[in-house]
Amino acid sequence: MFELQYFVLGLIQGITEFLPISSSAHLILISELTNWEDQGIFSDIAVHVGTLIAVILYLLKDLRIILIDFFNFRKSNSKNFAIKIFIATLPALIIGFIVYEYFIIYFRNLTVIALASIIFAIILYLADQRKNLNKKWEDLNYIEVFFIGLWQSLAFIPGASRAGVTITGARFLGVKRKSSAIFSMLLSIPIILASL
């Protein structure tokens, strides 16, 4: 039974992580529906390791460009990609620490998941309906990436998808869908690493 539980949890994590739906909420929901014990936050993190490997492999080309840019940061053509990712990650690291330290036990319930799922779906829909969404994430300035980082902080609420809220923040800033999704995946790397 133990192996089946973790297989199902890994499968759900793999399917939901990159969609703008909360993978953490689905992990909690499956435990509720199957009467499995809530696997807890550490099991959630463990299934994210597979996600991390998948993201790194998928974005290998982008990560290479970011690393080259980072080591050429003194040159005038540097885009400071790594710094932008760091700035966008800071709010989530700080707020995430506070949430996990003091509030996470209040968030892991079905009412919060249901409300957050509905509210953040509506907000994403509204962000996606805006006109003139033609920027790339690389064109964002430091204040804009910090703004997306604040959105990412909301993902600590089960039901608020990390991918969904970062894409929402980027879409509100006029970033194209594909570029928003790539930036969201790039932001997942330091967040997952920090959670380990």
Protein backbone atom coordinates (compact mmCIF):
# COMPACT_ATOMS: atom_id res chain seq x y z
CA MET A 1 0.00 0.00 0.00
CA PHE A 2 2.83 2.38 0.88
CA GLU A 3 4.40 2.01 -2.60
CA LEU A 4 1.04 2.55 -4.33
CA GLN A 5 0.44 5.71 -2.30
CA TYR A 6 3.76 7.24 -3.31
CA PHE A 7 3.37 6.15 -6.93
CA VAL A 8 -0.02 7.89 -7.10
CA LEU A 9 1.31 11.00 -5.35
CA GLY A 10 4.28 11.18 -7.74
CA LEU A 11 1.99 10.75 -10.74
CA ILE A 12 -0.33 13.52 -9.55
CA GLN A 13 2.63 15.79 -8.83
CA GLY A 14 4.03 15.18 -12.31
CA ILE A 15 0.72 15.95 -14.01
CA THR A 16 -0.26 19.01 -11.97
CA GLU A 17 3.02 20.84 -11.27
CA PHE A 18 3.29 22.66 -14.59
CA LEU A 19 -0.38 23.40 -15.06
CA PRO A 20 -1.83 26.49 -13.39
CA ILE A 21 -3.52 24.27 -10.79
CA SER A 22 -2.14 23.60 -7.34
CA SER A 23 -0.12 20.39 -7.15
CA SER A 24 0.02 20.66 -3.34
CA ALA A 25 -3.76 20.95 -3.18
CA HIS A 26 -4.14 17.85 -5.33
CA LEU A 27 -1.72 15.92 -3.12
CA ILE A 28 -3.84 16.85 -0.09
CA LEU A 29 -7.09 16.07 -1.93
CA ILE A 30 -5.95 12.60 -3.00
CA SER A 31 -5.14 11.78 0.63
CA GLU A 32 -8.62 12.92 1.65
CA LEU A 33 -10.38 10.99 -1.14
CA THR A 34 -8.49 7.76 -0.49
CA ASN A 35 -8.50 8.05 3.31
CA TRP A 36 -4.72 7.91 3.24
CA GLU A 37 -2.97 9.70 6.04
CA ASP A 38 -2.04 13.24 5.05
CA GLN A 39 1.47 12.70 3.80
CA GLY A 40 2.59 15.99 5.33
CA ILE A 41 4.77 18.73 4.01
CA PHE A 42 7.98 16.68 3.82
CA SER A 43 6.41 14.13 1.50
CA ASP A 44 5.16 17.01 -0.65
CA ILE A 45 8.74 18.24 -0.88
CA ALA A 46 10.04 14.76 -1.70
CA VAL A 47 7.79 14.43 -4.73
CA HIS A 48 9.00 17.85 -5.87
CA VAL A 49 12.52 16.42 -6.35
CA GLY A 50 11.31 14.62 -9.47
CA THR A 51 9.81 17.90 -10.62
CA LEU A 52 13.13 19.65 -10.09
CA ILE A 53 14.97 17.11 -12.23
CA ALA A 54 12.35 17.41 -14.98
CA VAL A 55 12.55 21.22 -14.99
CA ILE A 56 16.34 21.25 -15.16
CA LEU A 57 16.37 18.78 -18.05
CA TYR A 58 13.62 20.64 -19.93
CA LEU A 59 15.23 24.06 -19.45
CA LEU A 60 18.85 23.00 -19.94
CA LYS A 61 19.32 25.36 -22.90
CA ASP A 62 17.80 28.31 -21.02
CA LEU A 63 19.83 27.53 -17.90
CA ARG A 64 23.01 27.46 -19.97
CA ILE A 65 22.21 30.94 -21.36
CA ILE A 66 21.47 32.22 -17.84
CA LEU A 67 24.77 30.85 -16.50
CA ILE A 68 26.77 32.34 -19.38
CA ASP A 69 25.01 35.67 -18.84
CA PHE A 70 25.75 35.48 -15.10
CA PHE A 71 29.47 35.04 -15.67
CA ASN A 72 29.46 37.92 -18.17
CA PHE A 73 27.55 40.28 -15.85
CA ARG A 74 30.15 43.06 -16.12
CA LYS A 75 29.73 43.31 -19.87
CA SER A 76 27.35 45.91 -21.28
CA ASN A 77 25.19 43.33 -23.09
CA SER A 78 24.48 41.36 -19.91
CA LYS A 79 20.77 40.92 -19.23
CA ASN A 80 21.26 39.94 -15.56
CA PHE A 81 18.96 36.93 -15.92
CA ALA A 82 20.28 35.21 -12.78
CA ILE A 83 19.85 38.38 -10.73
CA LYS A 84 16.26 38.71 -11.96
CA ILE A 85 15.52 35.12 -10.92
CA PHE A 86 17.12 35.77 -7.52
CA ILE A 87 15.06 38.95 -6.99
CA ALA A 88 11.85 37.14 -7.99
CA THR A 89 12.68 34.34 -5.54
CA LEU A 90 13.39 36.53 -2.50
CA PRO A 91 9.79 37.34 -1.48
CA ALA A 92 8.80 33.67 -1.62
CA LEU A 93 11.79 32.63 0.47
CA ILE A 94 11.07 35.19 3.18
CA ILE A 95 7.29 34.81 3.23
CA GLY A 96 7.58 31.04 2.80
CA PHE A 97 9.72 30.76 5.92
CA ILE A 98 7.15 32.72 7.94
CA VAL A 99 4.21 30.73 6.55
CA TYR A 100 5.83 27.34 7.18
CA GLU A 101 6.97 28.37 10.62
CA TYR A 102 3.68 29.76 11.90
CA PHE A 103 0.69 29.26 9.60
CA ILE A 104 0.94 26.14 7.41
CA ILE A 105 -1.19 23.97 9.72
CA TYR A 106 -4.11 26.35 9.20
CA PHE A 107 -3.84 26.18 5.40
CA ARG A 108 -3.89 22.41 4.88
CA ASN A 109 -7.67 21.98 4.79
CA LEU A 110 -10.26 21.50 2.07
CA THR A 111 -12.05 24.81 2.61
CA VAL A 112 -8.88 26.83 2.03
CA ILE A 113 -8.02 24.68 -1.00
CA ALA A 114 -11.47 25.15 -2.55
CA LEU A 115 -11.59 28.90 -1.99
CA ALA A 116 -8.02 29.49 -3.15
CA SER A 117 -8.52 27.37 -6.27
CA ILE A 118 -11.61 29.34 -7.30
CA ILE A 119 -10.23 32.79 -6.44
CA PHE A 120 -6.87 32.30 -8.14
CA ALA A 121 -8.48 30.74 -11.23
CA ILE A 122 -10.63 33.85 -11.64
CA ILE A 123 -7.63 36.15 -11.17
CA LEU A 124 -5.59 34.18 -13.75
CA TYR A 125 -8.50 34.38 -16.19
CA LEU A 126 -8.68 38.17 -15.74
CA ALA A 127 -4.92 38.56 -16.19
CA ASP A 128 -5.04 36.45 -19.34
CA GLN A 129 -7.77 38.63 -20.89
CA ARG A 130 -5.59 41.75 -20.94
CA LYS A 131 -4.53 43.29 -24.25
CA ASN A 132 -0.97 43.91 -25.46
CA LEU A 133 0.59 40.86 -23.85
CA ASN A 134 3.72 40.75 -25.98
CA LYS A 135 6.70 41.07 -23.61
CA LYS A 136 9.23 38.35 -22.89
CA TRP A 137 10.28 37.61 -19.32
CA GLU A 138 13.82 38.64 -20.23
CA ASP A 139 12.55 42.20 -20.83
CA LEU A 140 11.20 42.62 -17.30
CA ASN A 141 12.98 45.04 -14.99
CA TYR A 142 13.93 44.36 -11.37
CA ILE A 143 10.76 45.89 -9.93
CA GLU A 144 8.60 43.80 -12.25
CA VAL A 145 10.34 40.54 -11.35
CA PHE A 146 10.00 41.43 -7.66
CA PHE A 147 6.27 41.92 -8.30
CA ILE A 148 6.11 38.39 -9.77
CA GLY A 149 8.01 37.19 -6.70
CA LEU A 150 5.28 38.65 -4.49
CA TRP A 151 2.72 36.72 -6.53
CA GLN A 152 4.81 33.57 -6.08
CA SER A 153 4.56 34.05 -2.31
CA LEU A 154 0.83 33.39 -2.54
CA ALA A 155 1.57 29.83 -3.67
CA PHE A 156 2.13 28.78 -0.07
CA ILE A 157 -1.65 28.70 0.24
CA PRO A 158 -2.77 25.21 -0.91
CA GLY A 159 -5.08 25.76 -3.85
CA ALA A 160 -2.97 28.65 -5.13
CA SER A 161 -0.75 27.10 -7.77
CA ARG A 162 2.86 28.33 -7.83
CA ALA A 163 2.85 28.09 -11.62
CA GLY A 164 -0.56 29.73 -11.75
CA VAL A 165 0.27 32.72 -9.56
CA THR A 166 3.63 33.40 -11.23
CA ILE A 167 2.02 33.18 -14.67
CA THR A 168 -0.75 35.49 -13.40
CA GLY A 169 1.78 38.06 -12.19
CA ALA A 170 3.67 37.90 -15.48
CA ARG A 171 0.48 38.19 -17.53
CA PHE A 172 -0.57 41.28 -15.56
CA LEU A 173 2.79 42.77 -16.61
CA GLY A 174 2.13 42.03 -20.28
CA VAL A 175 4.32 38.93 -20.69
CA LYS A 176 3.39 36.42 -23.40
CA ARG A 177 1.94 33.07 -22.30
CA LYS A 178 4.90 30.93 -23.35
CA SER A 179 7.43 33.32 -21.84
CA SER A 180 5.36 33.52 -18.62
CA ALA A 181 5.37 29.72 -18.40
CA ILE A 182 9.13 29.51 -18.96
CA PHE A 183 9.80 32.14 -16.31
CA SER A 184 7.49 30.29 -13.93
CA MET A 185 9.44 27.06 -14.49
CA LEU A 186 12.75 28.88 -13.99
CA LEU A 187 11.46 30.28 -10.70
CA SER A 188 10.51 26.79 -9.55
CA ILE A 189 14.17 25.71 -9.46
CA PRO A 190 15.38 27.91 -6.56
CA ILE A 191 12.09 27.46 -4.67
CA ILE A 192 12.26 23.66 -4.85
CA LEU A 193 15.96 23.73 -3.95
CA ALA A 194 15.22 25.97 -0.96
CA SER A 195 12.48 23.60 0.23
CA LEU A 196 14.89 20.67 0.36
